[in-house]
Structure formats: structure tokens, C-alpha cells
Amino acid sequence: IGWFRQAPGRAREGVSCLSLSTGSTFSADSVKGRFTISGDNANNT
């Protein structure tokens, strides 16, 4: 699952992604240390 964002007049930008099945995450440099991605399989979120 990936999170992206788009500001007015800007292209869509990748923010962070998560693979719960493999235990992998990645975040863009612009948000590292500030944003954290997590998954909850029991609640499908």
C-alpha cells in the first residue's frame, strides 16, 4: 500500500509505502523522521 500526495499545481508525489506481508517499508526523504506508516491486518487498514 502506498501513500501519495498532490498539492495545488504540483504533480502527485510518493510519500511512503508498506508491505505488511514482507515486513518492508519505505519513506521519501522529505518525510523521513516525521511520518510513520503502519498496517493493521485485523482491521484492514
Full PDB file with SEQRES, HELIX, SHEET, SSBOND, CRYST1, ORIGX, SCALE, CONECT and MASTER records, all heavy atoms in Angstrom:
SEQRES   1 A   45  ILE GLY TRP PHE ARG GLN ALA PRO GLY ARG ALA ARG GLU          
SEQRES   2 A   45  GLY VAL SER CYS LEU SER LEU SER THR GLY SER THR PHE          
SEQRES   3 A   45  SER ALA ASP SER VAL LYS GLY ARG PHE THR ILE SER GLY          
SEQRES   4 A   45  ASP ASN ALA ASN ASN THR                                      
HELIX    1 AA1 ASN A   41  ASN A   43  5                                   3    
SHEET    1 AA1 3 GLY A   2  ARG A   5  0                                        
SHEET    2 AA1 3 GLU A  13  SER A  19 -1                                        
SHEET    3 AA1 3 SER A  24  SER A  27 -1                                        
CRYST1    1.000    1.000    1.000  90.00  90.00  90.00 P 1           1          
ORIGX1      1.000000  0.000000  0.000000        0.00000                         
ORIGX2      0.000000  1.000000  0.000000        0.00000                         
ORIGX3      0.000000  0.000000  1.000000        0.00000                         
SCALE1      1.000000  0.000000  0.000000        0.00000                         
SCALE2      0.000000  1.000000  0.000000        0.00000                         
SCALE3      0.000000  0.000000  1.000000        0.00000                         
ATOM      1  N   ILE A   1       0.855  -1.176   0.000  1.00  0.00           N  
ATOM      2  CA  ILE A   1       0.000   0.000   0.000  1.00  0.00           C  
ATOM      3  C   ILE A   1       0.898   1.234   0.000  1.00  0.00           C  
ATOM      4  O   ILE A   1       1.855   1.306   0.770  1.00  0.00           O  
ATOM      5  CB  ILE A   1      -0.938   0.035   1.215  1.00  0.00           C  
ATOM      6  CG1 ILE A   1      -1.858  -1.200   1.218  1.00  0.00           C  
ATOM      7  CG2 ILE A   1      -1.756   1.323   1.223  1.00  0.00           C  
ATOM      8  CD1 ILE A   1      -2.831  -1.252   0.048  1.00  0.00           C  
ATOM      9  N   GLY A   2       0.579   2.186  -0.863  1.00  0.00           N  
ATOM     10  CA  GLY A   2       1.355   3.414  -0.943  1.00  0.00           C  
ATOM     11  C   GLY A   2       0.536   4.639  -0.607  1.00  0.00           C  
ATOM     12  O   GLY A   2      -0.651   4.715  -0.938  1.00  0.00           O  
ATOM     13  N   TRP A   3       1.170   5.587   0.078  1.00  0.00           N  
ATOM     14  CA  TRP A   3       0.584   6.902   0.319  1.00  0.00           C  
ATOM     15  C   TRP A   3       1.248   7.907  -0.621  1.00  0.00           C  
ATOM     16  O   TRP A   3       2.481   7.961  -0.709  1.00  0.00           O  
ATOM     17  CB  TRP A   3       0.770   7.350   1.760  1.00  0.00           C  
ATOM     18  CG  TRP A   3      -0.222   6.783   2.724  1.00  0.00           C  
ATOM     19  CD1 TRP A   3      -0.042   5.739   3.582  1.00  0.00           C  
ATOM     20  CD2 TRP A   3      -1.559   7.250   2.938  1.00  0.00           C  
ATOM     21  NE1 TRP A   3      -1.181   5.522   4.323  1.00  0.00           N  
ATOM     22  CE2 TRP A   3      -2.132   6.445   3.943  1.00  0.00           C  
ATOM     23  CE3 TRP A   3      -2.332   8.276   2.385  1.00  0.00           C  
ATOM     24  CZ2 TRP A   3      -3.441   6.624   4.400  1.00  0.00           C  
ATOM     25  CZ3 TRP A   3      -3.629   8.459   2.837  1.00  0.00           C  
ATOM     26  CH2 TRP A   3      -4.166   7.629   3.833  1.00  0.00           C  
ATOM     27  N   PHE A   4       0.444   8.688  -1.305  1.00  0.00           N  
ATOM     28  CA  PHE A   4       0.901   9.739  -2.201  1.00  0.00           C  
ATOM     29  C   PHE A   4       0.199  11.033  -1.838  1.00  0.00           C  
ATOM     30  O   PHE A   4      -0.823  11.028  -1.158  1.00  0.00           O  
ATOM     31  CB  PHE A   4       0.607   9.373  -3.666  1.00  0.00           C  
ATOM     32  CG  PHE A   4       1.398   8.197  -4.182  1.00  0.00           C  
ATOM     33  CD1 PHE A   4       1.082   6.903  -3.797  1.00  0.00           C  
ATOM     34  CD2 PHE A   4       2.461   8.394  -5.047  1.00  0.00           C  
ATOM     35  CE1 PHE A   4       1.805   5.821  -4.263  1.00  0.00           C  
ATOM     36  CE2 PHE A   4       3.194   7.322  -5.531  1.00  0.00           C  
ATOM     37  CZ  PHE A   4       2.867   6.033  -5.133  1.00  0.00           C  
ATOM     38  N   ARG A   5       0.731  12.148  -2.311  1.00  0.00           N  
ATOM     39  CA  ARG A   5       0.090  13.433  -2.065  1.00  0.00           C  
ATOM     40  C   ARG A   5       0.224  14.325  -3.292  1.00  0.00           C  
ATOM     41  O   ARG A   5       1.162  14.192  -4.078  1.00  0.00           O  
ATOM     42  CB  ARG A   5       0.676  14.136  -0.835  1.00  0.00           C  
ATOM     43  CG  ARG A   5       2.144  14.524  -0.960  1.00  0.00           C  
ATOM     44  CD  ARG A   5       2.664  15.035   0.378  1.00  0.00           C  
ATOM     45  NE  ARG A   5       4.053  15.453   0.306  1.00  0.00           N  
ATOM     46  CZ  ARG A   5       4.774  15.820   1.361  1.00  0.00           C  
ATOM     47  NH1 ARG A   5       4.230  15.823   2.584  1.00  0.00           N  
ATOM     48  NH2 ARG A   5       6.037  16.199   1.204  1.00  0.00           N  
ATOM     49  N   GLN A   6      -0.728  15.245  -3.432  1.00  0.00           N  
ATOM     50  CA  GLN A   6      -0.717  16.175  -4.547  1.00  0.00           C  
ATOM     51  C   GLN A   6      -1.153  17.553  -4.057  1.00  0.00           C  
ATOM     52  O   GLN A   6      -2.277  17.724  -3.595  1.00  0.00           O  
ATOM     53  CB  GLN A   6      -1.626  15.701  -5.678  1.00  0.00           C  
ATOM     54  CG  GLN A   6      -1.513  16.535  -6.935  1.00  0.00           C  
ATOM     55  CD  GLN A   6      -2.151  15.869  -8.138  1.00  0.00           C  
ATOM     56  OE1 GLN A   6      -3.016  15.006  -7.993  1.00  0.00           O  
ATOM     57  NE2 GLN A   6      -1.721  16.254  -9.327  1.00  0.00           N  
ATOM     58  N   ALA A   7      -0.249  18.512  -4.152  1.00  0.00           N  
ATOM     59  CA  ALA A   7      -0.535  19.893  -3.801  1.00  0.00           C  
ATOM     60  C   ALA A   7      -1.044  20.630  -5.032  1.00  0.00           C  
ATOM     61  O   ALA A   7      -0.778  20.215  -6.167  1.00  0.00           O  
ATOM     62  CB  ALA A   7       0.716  20.568  -3.251  1.00  0.00           C  
ATOM     63  N   PRO A   8      -1.782  21.742  -4.841  1.00  0.00           N  
ATOM     64  CA  PRO A   8      -2.269  22.502  -5.994  1.00  0.00           C  
ATOM     65  C   PRO A   8      -1.137  22.901  -6.937  1.00  0.00           C  
ATOM     66  O   PRO A   8      -0.115  23.436  -6.511  1.00  0.00           O  
ATOM     67  CB  PRO A   8      -2.908  23.736  -5.345  1.00  0.00           C  
ATOM     68  CG  PRO A   8      -3.316  23.271  -3.987  1.00  0.00           C  
ATOM     69  CD  PRO A   8      -2.234  22.312  -3.568  1.00  0.00           C  
ATOM     70  N   GLY A   9      -1.313  22.623  -8.221  1.00  0.00           N  
ATOM     71  CA  GLY A   9      -0.316  22.967  -9.212  1.00  0.00           C  
ATOM     72  C   GLY A   9       0.913  22.079  -9.221  1.00  0.00           C  
ATOM     73  O   GLY A   9       1.873  22.379  -9.938  1.00  0.00           O  
ATOM     74  N   ARG A  10       0.900  21.014  -8.445  1.00  0.00           N  
ATOM     75  CA  ARG A  10       2.048  20.111  -8.344  1.00  0.00           C  
ATOM     76  C   ARG A  10       1.673  18.714  -8.842  1.00  0.00           C  
ATOM     77  O   ARG A  10       0.507  18.336  -8.853  1.00  0.00           O  
ATOM     78  CB  ARG A  10       2.538  20.012  -6.900  1.00  0.00           C  
ATOM     79  CG  ARG A  10       2.908  21.344  -6.253  1.00  0.00           C  
ATOM     80  CD  ARG A  10       4.319  21.754  -6.599  1.00  0.00           C  
ATOM     81  NE  ARG A  10       5.288  20.791  -6.091  1.00  0.00           N  
ATOM     82  CZ  ARG A  10       5.767  20.773  -4.848  1.00  0.00           C  
ATOM     83  NH1 ARG A  10       5.357  21.693  -3.968  1.00  0.00           N  
ATOM     84  NH2 ARG A  10       6.648  19.867  -4.475  1.00  0.00           N  
ATOM     85  N   ALA A  11       2.683  17.948  -9.227  1.00  0.00           N  
ATOM     86  CA  ALA A  11       2.476  16.561  -9.615  1.00  0.00           C  
ATOM     87  C   ALA A  11       2.272  15.690  -8.382  1.00  0.00           C  
ATOM     88  O   ALA A  11       2.690  16.046  -7.278  1.00  0.00           O  
ATOM     89  CB  ALA A  11       3.672  16.067 -10.429  1.00  0.00           C  
ATOM     90  N   ARG A  12       1.646  14.552  -8.576  1.00  0.00           N  
ATOM     91  CA  ARG A  12       1.461  13.621  -7.474  1.00  0.00           C  
ATOM     92  C   ARG A  12       2.817  13.068  -7.032  1.00  0.00           C  
ATOM     93  O   ARG A  12       3.633  12.651  -7.858  1.00  0.00           O  
ATOM     94  CB  ARG A  12       0.528  12.486  -7.884  1.00  0.00           C  
ATOM     95  CG  ARG A  12       0.142  11.568  -6.730  1.00  0.00           C  
ATOM     96  CD  ARG A  12      -0.963  10.588  -7.121  1.00  0.00           C  
ATOM     97  NE  ARG A  12      -2.213  11.274  -7.440  1.00  0.00           N  
ATOM     98  CZ  ARG A  12      -3.377  10.657  -7.612  1.00  0.00           C  
ATOM     99  NH1 ARG A  12      -3.453   9.338  -7.493  1.00  0.00           N  
ATOM    100  NH2 ARG A  12      -4.456  11.357  -7.912  1.00  0.00           N  
ATOM    101  N   GLU A  13       3.047  13.058  -5.717  1.00  0.00           N  
ATOM    102  CA  GLU A  13       4.335  12.724  -5.135  1.00  0.00           C  
ATOM    103  C   GLU A  13       4.212  11.519  -4.212  1.00  0.00           C  
ATOM    104  O   GLU A  13       3.323  11.475  -3.358  1.00  0.00           O  
ATOM    105  CB  GLU A  13       4.867  13.926  -4.349  1.00  0.00           C  
ATOM    106  CG  GLU A  13       6.117  13.674  -3.532  1.00  0.00           C  
ATOM    107  CD  GLU A  13       6.428  14.808  -2.579  1.00  0.00           C  
ATOM    108  OE1 GLU A  13       5.494  15.551  -2.204  1.00  0.00           O  
ATOM    109  OE2 GLU A  13       7.603  14.969  -2.207  1.00  0.00           O  
ATOM    110  N   GLY A  14       5.110  10.561  -4.353  1.00  0.00           N  
ATOM    111  CA  GLY A  14       5.138   9.427  -3.459  1.00  0.00           C  
ATOM    112  C   GLY A  14       5.634   9.822  -2.077  1.00  0.00           C  
ATOM    113  O   GLY A  14       6.632  10.531  -1.952  1.00  0.00           O  
ATOM    114  N   VAL A  15       4.958   9.363  -1.039  1.00  0.00           N  
ATOM    115  CA  VAL A  15       5.291   9.702   0.343  1.00  0.00           C  
ATOM    116  C   VAL A  15       5.868   8.503   1.081  1.00  0.00           C  
ATOM    117  O   VAL A  15       6.953   8.578   1.671  1.00  0.00           O  
ATOM    118  CB  VAL A  15       4.053  10.236   1.093  1.00  0.00           C  
ATOM    119  CG1 VAL A  15       4.386  10.491   2.561  1.00  0.00           C  
ATOM    120  CG2 VAL A  15       3.536  11.506   0.432  1.00  0.00           C  
ATOM    121  N   SER A  16       5.149   7.387   1.069  1.00  0.00           N  
ATOM    122  CA  SER A  16       5.566   6.222   1.836  1.00  0.00           C  
ATOM    123  C   SER A  16       4.831   4.998   1.327  1.00  0.00           C  
ATOM    124  O   SER A  16       3.736   5.107   0.781  1.00  0.00           O  
ATOM    125  CB  SER A  16       5.268   6.444   3.328  1.00  0.00           C  
ATOM    126  OG  SER A  16       5.788   5.398   4.121  1.00  0.00           O  
ATOM    127  N   CYS A  17       5.425   3.833   1.512  1.00  0.00           N  
ATOM    128  CA  CYS A  17       4.747   2.585   1.169  1.00  0.00           C  
ATOM    129  C   CYS A  17       5.047   1.531   2.213  1.00  0.00           C  
ATOM    130  O   CYS A  17       6.024   1.627   2.957  1.00  0.00           O  
ATOM    131  CB  CYS A  17       5.115   2.092  -0.237  1.00  0.00           C  
ATOM    132  SG  CYS A  17       6.852   1.683  -0.494  1.00  0.00           S  
ATOM    133  N   LEU A  18       4.188   0.528   2.247  1.00  0.00           N  
ATOM    134  CA  LEU A  18       4.292  -0.550   3.222  1.00  0.00           C  
ATOM    135  C   LEU A  18       3.922  -1.875   2.573  1.00  0.00           C  
ATOM    136  O   LEU A  18       2.951  -1.957   1.821  1.00  0.00           O  
ATOM    137  CB  LEU A  18       3.378  -0.265   4.419  1.00  0.00           C  
ATOM    138  CG  LEU A  18       3.179  -1.370   5.465  1.00  0.00           C  
ATOM    139  CD1 LEU A  18       3.009  -0.766   6.847  1.00  0.00           C  
ATOM    140  CD2 LEU A  18       1.956  -2.222   5.122  1.00  0.00           C  
ATOM    141  N   SER A  19       4.694  -2.902   2.885  1.00  0.00           N  
ATOM    142  CA  SER A  19       4.354  -4.271   2.537  1.00  0.00           C  
ATOM    143  C   SER A  19       4.254  -5.052   3.837  1.00  0.00           C  
ATOM    144  O   SER A  19       5.275  -5.426   4.429  1.00  0.00           O  
ATOM    145  CB  SER A  19       5.405  -4.892   1.621  1.00  0.00           C  
ATOM    146  OG  SER A  19       5.144  -6.268   1.417  1.00  0.00           O  
ATOM    147  N   LEU A  20       3.036  -5.283   4.298  1.00  0.00           N  
ATOM    148  CA  LEU A  20       2.849  -5.984   5.563  1.00  0.00           C  
ATOM    149  C   LEU A  20       3.271  -7.443   5.460  1.00  0.00           C  
ATOM    150  O   LEU A  20       3.812  -8.004   6.412  1.00  0.00           O  
ATOM    151  CB  LEU A  20       1.391  -5.879   6.006  1.00  0.00           C  
ATOM    152  CG  LEU A  20       1.087  -6.244   7.456  1.00  0.00           C  
ATOM    153  CD1 LEU A  20       1.855  -5.341   8.415  1.00  0.00           C  
ATOM    154  CD2 LEU A  20      -0.416  -6.150   7.723  1.00  0.00           C  
ATOM    155  N   SER A  21       3.044  -8.060   4.304  1.00  0.00           N  
ATOM    156  CA  SER A  21       3.361  -9.471   4.134  1.00  0.00           C  
ATOM    157  C   SER A  21       4.858  -9.744   4.157  1.00  0.00           C  
ATOM    158  O   SER A  21       5.279 -10.835   4.557  1.00  0.00           O  
ATOM    159  CB  SER A  21       2.750 -10.010   2.840  1.00  0.00           C  
ATOM    160  OG  SER A  21       3.271  -9.347   1.707  1.00  0.00           O  
ATOM    161  N   THR A  22       5.679  -8.774   3.729  1.00  0.00           N  
ATOM    162  CA  THR A  22       7.130  -8.933   3.739  1.00  0.00           C  
ATOM    163  C   THR A  22       7.808  -8.128   4.833  1.00  0.00           C  
ATOM    164  O   THR A  22       9.024  -8.237   5.015  1.00  0.00           O  
ATOM    165  CB  THR A  22       7.748  -8.536   2.388  1.00  0.00           C  
ATOM    166  OG1 THR A  22       7.551  -7.144   2.151  1.00  0.00           O  
ATOM    167  CG2 THR A  22       7.123  -9.336   1.252  1.00  0.00           C  
ATOM    168  N   GLY A  23       7.059  -7.311   5.561  1.00  0.00           N  
ATOM    169  CA  GLY A  23       7.612  -6.507   6.631  1.00  0.00           C  
ATOM    170  C   GLY A  23       8.493  -5.367   6.164  1.00  0.00           C  
ATOM    171  O   GLY A  23       9.422  -4.967   6.883  1.00  0.00           O  
ATOM    172  N   SER A  24       8.222  -4.822   4.986  1.00  0.00           N  
ATOM    173  CA  SER A  24       9.056  -3.772   4.405  1.00  0.00           C  
ATOM    174  C   SER A  24       8.316  -2.443   4.366  1.00  0.00           C  
ATOM    175  O   SER A  24       7.111  -2.396   4.109  1.00  0.00           O  
ATOM    176  CB  SER A  24       9.485  -4.150   2.988  1.00  0.00           C  
ATOM    177  OG  SER A  24      10.238  -5.354   2.986  1.00  0.00           O  
ATOM    178  N   THR A  25       9.051  -1.366   4.605  1.00  0.00           N  
ATOM    179  CA  THR A  25       8.527  -0.017   4.461  1.00  0.00           C  
ATOM    180  C   THR A  25       9.563   0.866   3.788  1.00  0.00           C  
ATOM    181  O   THR A  25      10.763   0.569   3.808  1.00  0.00           O  
ATOM    182  CB  THR A  25       8.145   0.616   5.809  1.00  0.00           C  
ATOM    183  OG1 THR A  25       9.317   0.750   6.625  1.00  0.00           O  
ATOM    184  CG2 THR A  25       7.109  -0.221   6.538  1.00  0.00           C  
ATOM    185  N   PHE A  26       9.092   1.957   3.188  1.00  0.00           N  
ATOM    186  CA  PHE A  26       9.979   2.959   2.617  1.00  0.00           C  
ATOM    187  C   PHE A  26       9.294   4.308   2.696  1.00  0.00           C  
ATOM    188  O   PHE A  26       8.082   4.411   2.471  1.00  0.00           O  
ATOM    189  CB  PHE A  26      10.333   2.644   1.155  1.00  0.00           C  
ATOM    190  CG  PHE A  26      11.213   3.685   0.528  1.00  0.00           C  
ATOM    191  CD1 PHE A  26      12.582   3.667   0.743  1.00  0.00           C  
ATOM    192  CD2 PHE A  26      10.675   4.707  -0.244  1.00  0.00           C  
ATOM    193  CE1 PHE A  26      13.405   4.639   0.199  1.00  0.00           C  
ATOM    194  CE2 PHE A  26      11.483   5.687  -0.795  1.00  0.00           C  
ATOM    195  CZ  PHE A  26      12.855   5.648  -0.570  1.00  0.00           C  
ATOM    196  N   SER A  27      10.062   5.347   3.010  1.00  0.00           N  
ATOM    197  CA  SER A  27       9.536   6.706   3.062  1.00  0.00           C  
ATOM    198  C   SER A  27      10.438   7.650   2.281  1.00  0.00           C  
ATOM    199  O   SER A  27      11.661   7.481   2.252  1.00  0.00           O  
ATOM    200  CB  SER A  27       9.428   7.197   4.510  1.00  0.00           C  
ATOM    201  OG  SER A  27       8.475   6.447   5.238  1.00  0.00           O  
ATOM    202  N   ALA A  28       9.828   8.645   1.657  1.00  0.00           N  
ATOM    203  CA  ALA A  28      10.579   9.652   0.924  1.00  0.00           C  
ATOM    204  C   ALA A  28      11.420  10.495   1.874  1.00  0.00           C  
ATOM    205  O   ALA A  28      11.078  10.660   3.053  1.00  0.00           O  
ATOM    206  CB  ALA A  28       9.621  10.547   0.141  1.00  0.00           C  
ATOM    207  N   ASP A  29      12.532  11.041   1.369  1.00  0.00           N  
ATOM    208  CA  ASP A  29      13.424  11.843   2.200  1.00  0.00           C  
ATOM    209  C   ASP A  29      12.713  13.036   2.838  1.00  0.00           C  
ATOM    210  O   ASP A  29      13.049  13.435   3.952  1.00  0.00           O  
ATOM    211  CB  ASP A  29      14.607  12.345   1.376  1.00  0.00           C  
ATOM    212  CG  ASP A  29      15.586  11.244   1.013  1.00  0.00           C  
ATOM    213  OD1 ASP A  29      15.567  10.183   1.672  1.00  0.00           O  
ATOM    214  OD2 ASP A  29      16.383  11.451   0.081  1.00  0.00           O  
ATOM    215  N   SER A  30      11.727  13.587   2.152  1.00  0.00           N  
ATOM    216  CA  SER A  30      11.037  14.771   2.642  1.00  0.00           C  
ATOM    217  C   SER A  30      10.233  14.518   3.917  1.00  0.00           C  
ATOM    218  O   SER A  30       9.899  15.465   4.626  1.00  0.00           O  
ATOM    219  CB  SER A  30      10.114  15.331   1.554  1.00  0.00           C  
ATOM    220  OG  SER A  30       9.153  14.374   1.156  1.00  0.00           O  
ATOM    221  N   VAL A  31       9.925  13.255   4.222  1.00  0.00           N  
ATOM    222  CA  VAL A  31       9.102  12.947   5.392  1.00  0.00           C  
ATOM    223  C   VAL A  31       9.781  12.012   6.378  1.00  0.00           C  
ATOM    224  O   VAL A  31       9.220  11.745   7.451  1.00  0.00           O  
ATOM    225  CB  VAL A  31       7.732  12.360   4.983  1.00  0.00           C  
ATOM    226  CG1 VAL A  31       7.009  13.296   4.025  1.00  0.00           C  
ATOM    227  CG2 VAL A  31       7.893  10.978   4.365  1.00  0.00           C  
ATOM    228  N   LYS A  32      10.977  11.517   6.071  1.00  0.00           N  
ATOM    229  CA  LYS A  32      11.675  10.613   6.983  1.00  0.00           C  
ATOM    230  C   LYS A  32      11.915  11.286   8.330  1.00  0.00           C  
ATOM    231  O   LYS A  32      12.313  12.440   8.398  1.00  0.00           O  
ATOM    232  CB  LYS A  32      13.011  10.167   6.383  1.00  0.00           C  
ATOM    233  CG  LYS A  32      12.887   9.102   5.315  1.00  0.00           C  
ATOM    234  CD  LYS A  32      14.254   8.664   4.806  1.00  0.00           C  
ATOM    235  CE  LYS A  32      14.122   7.572   3.765  1.00  0.00           C  
ATOM    236  NZ  LYS A  32      15.442   7.177   3.204  1.00  0.00           N  
ATOM    237  N   GLY A  33      11.652  10.536   9.400  1.00  0.00           N  
ATOM    238  CA  GLY A  33      11.798  11.065  10.743  1.00  0.00           C  
ATOM    239  C   GLY A  33      10.580  11.798  11.254  1.00  0.00           C  
ATOM    240  O   GLY A  33      10.503  12.102  12.449  1.00  0.00           O  
ATOM    241  N   ARG A  34       9.634  12.093  10.375  1.00  0.00           N  
ATOM    242  CA  ARG A  34       8.406  12.793  10.768  1.00  0.00           C  
ATOM    243  C   ARG A  34       7.150  11.946  10.549  1.00  0.00           C  
ATOM    244  O   ARG A  34       6.218  12.020  11.346  1.00  0.00           O  
ATOM    245  CB  ARG A  34       8.263  14.105   9.992  1.00  0.00           C  
ATOM    246  CG  ARG A  34       9.399  15.093  10.226  1.00  0.00           C  
ATOM    247  CD  ARG A  34       9.095  16.457   9.611  1.00  0.00           C  
ATOM    248  NE  ARG A  34       8.934  16.377   8.154  1.00  0.00           N  
ATOM    249  CZ  ARG A  34       7.804  16.685   7.514  1.00  0.00           C  
ATOM    250  NH1 ARG A  34       6.753  17.109   8.183  1.00  0.00           N  
ATOM    251  NH2 ARG A  34       7.751  16.593   6.182  1.00  0.00           N  
ATOM    252  N   PHE A  35       7.129  11.161   9.485  1.00  0.00           N  
ATOM    253  CA  PHE A  35       5.970  10.331   9.164  1.00  0.00           C  
ATOM    254  C   PHE A  35       6.307   8.864   9.406  1.00  0.00           C  
ATOM    255  O   PHE A  35       7.424   8.419   9.118  1.00  0.00           O  
ATOM    256  CB  PHE A  35       5.565  10.483   7.700  1.00  0.00           C  
ATOM    257  CG  PHE A  35       5.007  11.830   7.312  1.00  0.00           C  
ATOM    258  CD1 PHE A  35       5.052  12.917   8.175  1.00  0.00           C  
ATOM    259  CD2 PHE A  35       4.428  11.994   6.063  1.00  0.00           C  
ATOM    260  CE1 PHE A  35       4.547  14.147   7.809  1.00  0.00           C  
ATOM    261  CE2 PHE A  35       3.909  13.215   5.682  1.00  0.00           C  
ATOM    262  CZ  PHE A  35       3.965  14.299   6.552  1.00  0.00           C  
ATOM    263  N   THR A  36       5.340   8.106   9.905  1.00  0.00           N  
ATOM    264  CA  THR A  36       5.496   6.678  10.115  1.00  0.00           C  
ATOM    265  C   THR A  36       4.295   5.946   9.530  1.00  0.00           C  
ATOM    266  O   THR A  36       3.156   6.300   9.821  1.00  0.00           O  
ATOM    267  CB  THR A  36       5.620   6.334  11.611  1.00  0.00           C  
ATOM    268  OG1 THR A  36       6.742   7.019  12.177  1.00  0.00           O  
ATOM    269  CG2 THR A  36       5.810   4.829  11.803  1.00  0.00           C  
ATOM    270  N   ILE A  37       4.556   4.926   8.720  1.00  0.00           N  
ATOM    271  CA  ILE A  37       3.485   4.137   8.128  1.00  0.00           C  
ATOM    272  C   ILE A  37       3.360   2.818   8.883  1.00  0.00           C  
ATOM    273  O   ILE A  37       4.360   2.228   9.297  1.00  0.00           O  
ATOM    274  CB  ILE A  37       3.741   3.899   6.620  1.00  0.00           C  
ATOM    275  CG1 ILE A  37       2.507   3.305   5.936  1.00  0.00           C  
ATOM    276  CG2 ILE A  37       4.972   3.030   6.389  1.00  0.00           C  
ATOM    277  CD1 ILE A  37       2.601   3.311   4.414  1.00  0.00           C  
ATOM    278  N   SER A  38       2.135   2.356   9.092  1.00  0.00           N  
ATOM    279  CA  SER A  38       1.898   1.102   9.792  1.00  0.00           C  
ATOM    280  C   SER A  38       0.664   0.422   9.224  1.00  0.00           C  
ATOM    281  O   SER A  38      -0.212   1.076   8.654  1.00  0.00           O  
ATOM    282  CB  SER A  38       1.732   1.326  11.295  1.00  0.00           C  
ATOM    283  OG  SER A  38       0.576   2.098  11.574  1.00  0.00           O  
ATOM    284  N   GLY A  39       0.600  -0.892   9.389  1.00  0.00           N  
ATOM    285  CA  GLY A  39      -0.531  -1.660   8.910  1.00  0.00           C  
ATOM    286  C   GLY A  39      -1.191  -2.446  10.022  1.00  0.00           C  
ATOM    287  O   GLY A  39      -0.531  -2.883  10.960  1.00  0.00           O  
ATOM    288  N   ASP A  40      -2.500  -2.602   9.920  1.00  0.00           N  
ATOM    289  CA  ASP A  40      -3.289  -3.365  10.884  1.00  0.00           C  
ATOM    290  C   ASP A  40      -4.128  -4.344  10.088  1.00  0.00           C  
ATOM    291  O   ASP A  40      -5.202  -4.004   9.594  1.00  0.00           O  
ATOM    292  CB  ASP A  40      -4.158  -2.427  11.714  1.00  0.00           C  
ATOM    293  CG  ASP A  40      -4.938  -3.143  12.801  1.00  0.00           C  
ATOM    294  OD1 ASP A  40      -4.980  -4.383  12.807  1.00  0.00           O  
ATOM    295  OD2 ASP A  40      -5.506  -2.449  13.668  1.00  0.00           O  
ATOM    296  N   ASN A  41      -3.633  -5.575   9.957  1.00  0.00           N  
ATOM    297  CA  ASN A  41      -4.311  -6.560   9.130  1.00  0.00           C  
ATOM    298  C   ASN A  41      -5.678  -6.944   9.688  1.00  0.00           C  
ATOM    299  O   ASN A  41      -6.613  -7.214   8.936  1.00  0.00           O  
ATOM    300  CB  ASN A  41      -3.437  -7.810   8.969  1.00  0.00           C  
ATOM    301  CG  ASN A  41      -3.792  -8.616   7.740  1.00  0.00           C  
ATOM    302  OD1 ASN A  41      -4.320  -8.098   6.760  1.00  0.00           O  
ATOM    303  ND2 ASN A  41      -3.484  -9.906   7.779  1.00  0.00           N  
ATOM    304  N   ALA A  42      -5.806  -6.951  11.025  1.00  0.00           N  
ATOM    305  CA  ALA A  42      -7.067  -7.324  11.648  1.00  0.00           C  
ATOM    306  C   ALA A  42      -8.184  -6.353  11.290  1.00  0.00           C  
ATOM    307  O   ALA A  42      -9.344  -6.744  11.183  1.00  0.00           O  
ATOM    308  CB  ALA A  42      -6.902  -7.410  13.160  1.00  0.00           C  
ATOM    309  N   ASN A  43      -7.836  -5.078  11.113  1.00  0.00           N  
ATOM    310  CA  ASN A  43      -8.826  -4.056  10.786  1.00  0.00           C  
ATOM    311  C   ASN A  43      -8.760  -3.596   9.337  1.00  0.00           C  
ATOM    312  O   ASN A  43      -9.457  -2.650   8.963  1.00  0.00           O  
ATOM    313  CB  ASN A  43      -8.665  -2.864  11.721  1.00  0.00           C  
ATOM    314  CG  ASN A  43      -9.046  -3.189  13.147  1.00  0.00           C  
ATOM    315  OD1 ASN A  43     -10.203  -3.441  13.439  1.00  0.00           O  
ATOM    316  ND2 ASN A  43      -8.062  -3.191  14.039  1.00  0.00           N  
ATOM    317  N   ASN A  44      -7.914  -4.239   8.537  1.00  0.00           N  
ATOM    318  CA  ASN A  44      -7.788  -3.922   7.110  1.00  0.00           C  
ATOM    319  C   ASN A  44      -7.509  -2.442   6.879  1.00  0.00           C  
ATOM    320  O   ASN A  44      -8.156  -1.788   6.047  1.00  0.00           O  
ATOM    321  CB  ASN A  44      -9.045  -4.355   6.351  1.00  0.00           C  
ATOM    322  CG  ASN A  44      -9.290  -5.840   6.435  1.00  0.00           C  
ATOM    323  OD1 ASN A  44      -8.410  -6.640   6.110  1.00  0.00           O  
ATOM    324  ND2 ASN A  44     -10.481  -6.227   6.866  1.00  0.00           N  
ATOM    325  N   THR A  45      -6.537  -1.910   7.619  1.00  0.00           N  
ATOM    326  CA  THR A  45      -6.192  -0.506   7.491  1.00  0.00           C  
ATOM    327  C   THR A  45      -4.689  -0.306   7.419  1.00  0.00           C  
ATOM    328  O   THR A  45      -3.914  -1.093   7.965  1.00  0.00           O  
ATOM    329  CB  THR A  45      -6.732   0.328   8.663  1.00  0.00           C  
ATOM    330  OG1 THR A  45      -6.215  -0.182   9.895  1.00  0.00           O  
ATOM    331  CG2 THR A  45      -8.245   0.322   8.703  1.00  0.00           C  
TER     332      THR A  45                                                      
MASTER        0    0    0    1    3    0    0    6  331    1    0    4          
END                                                                             
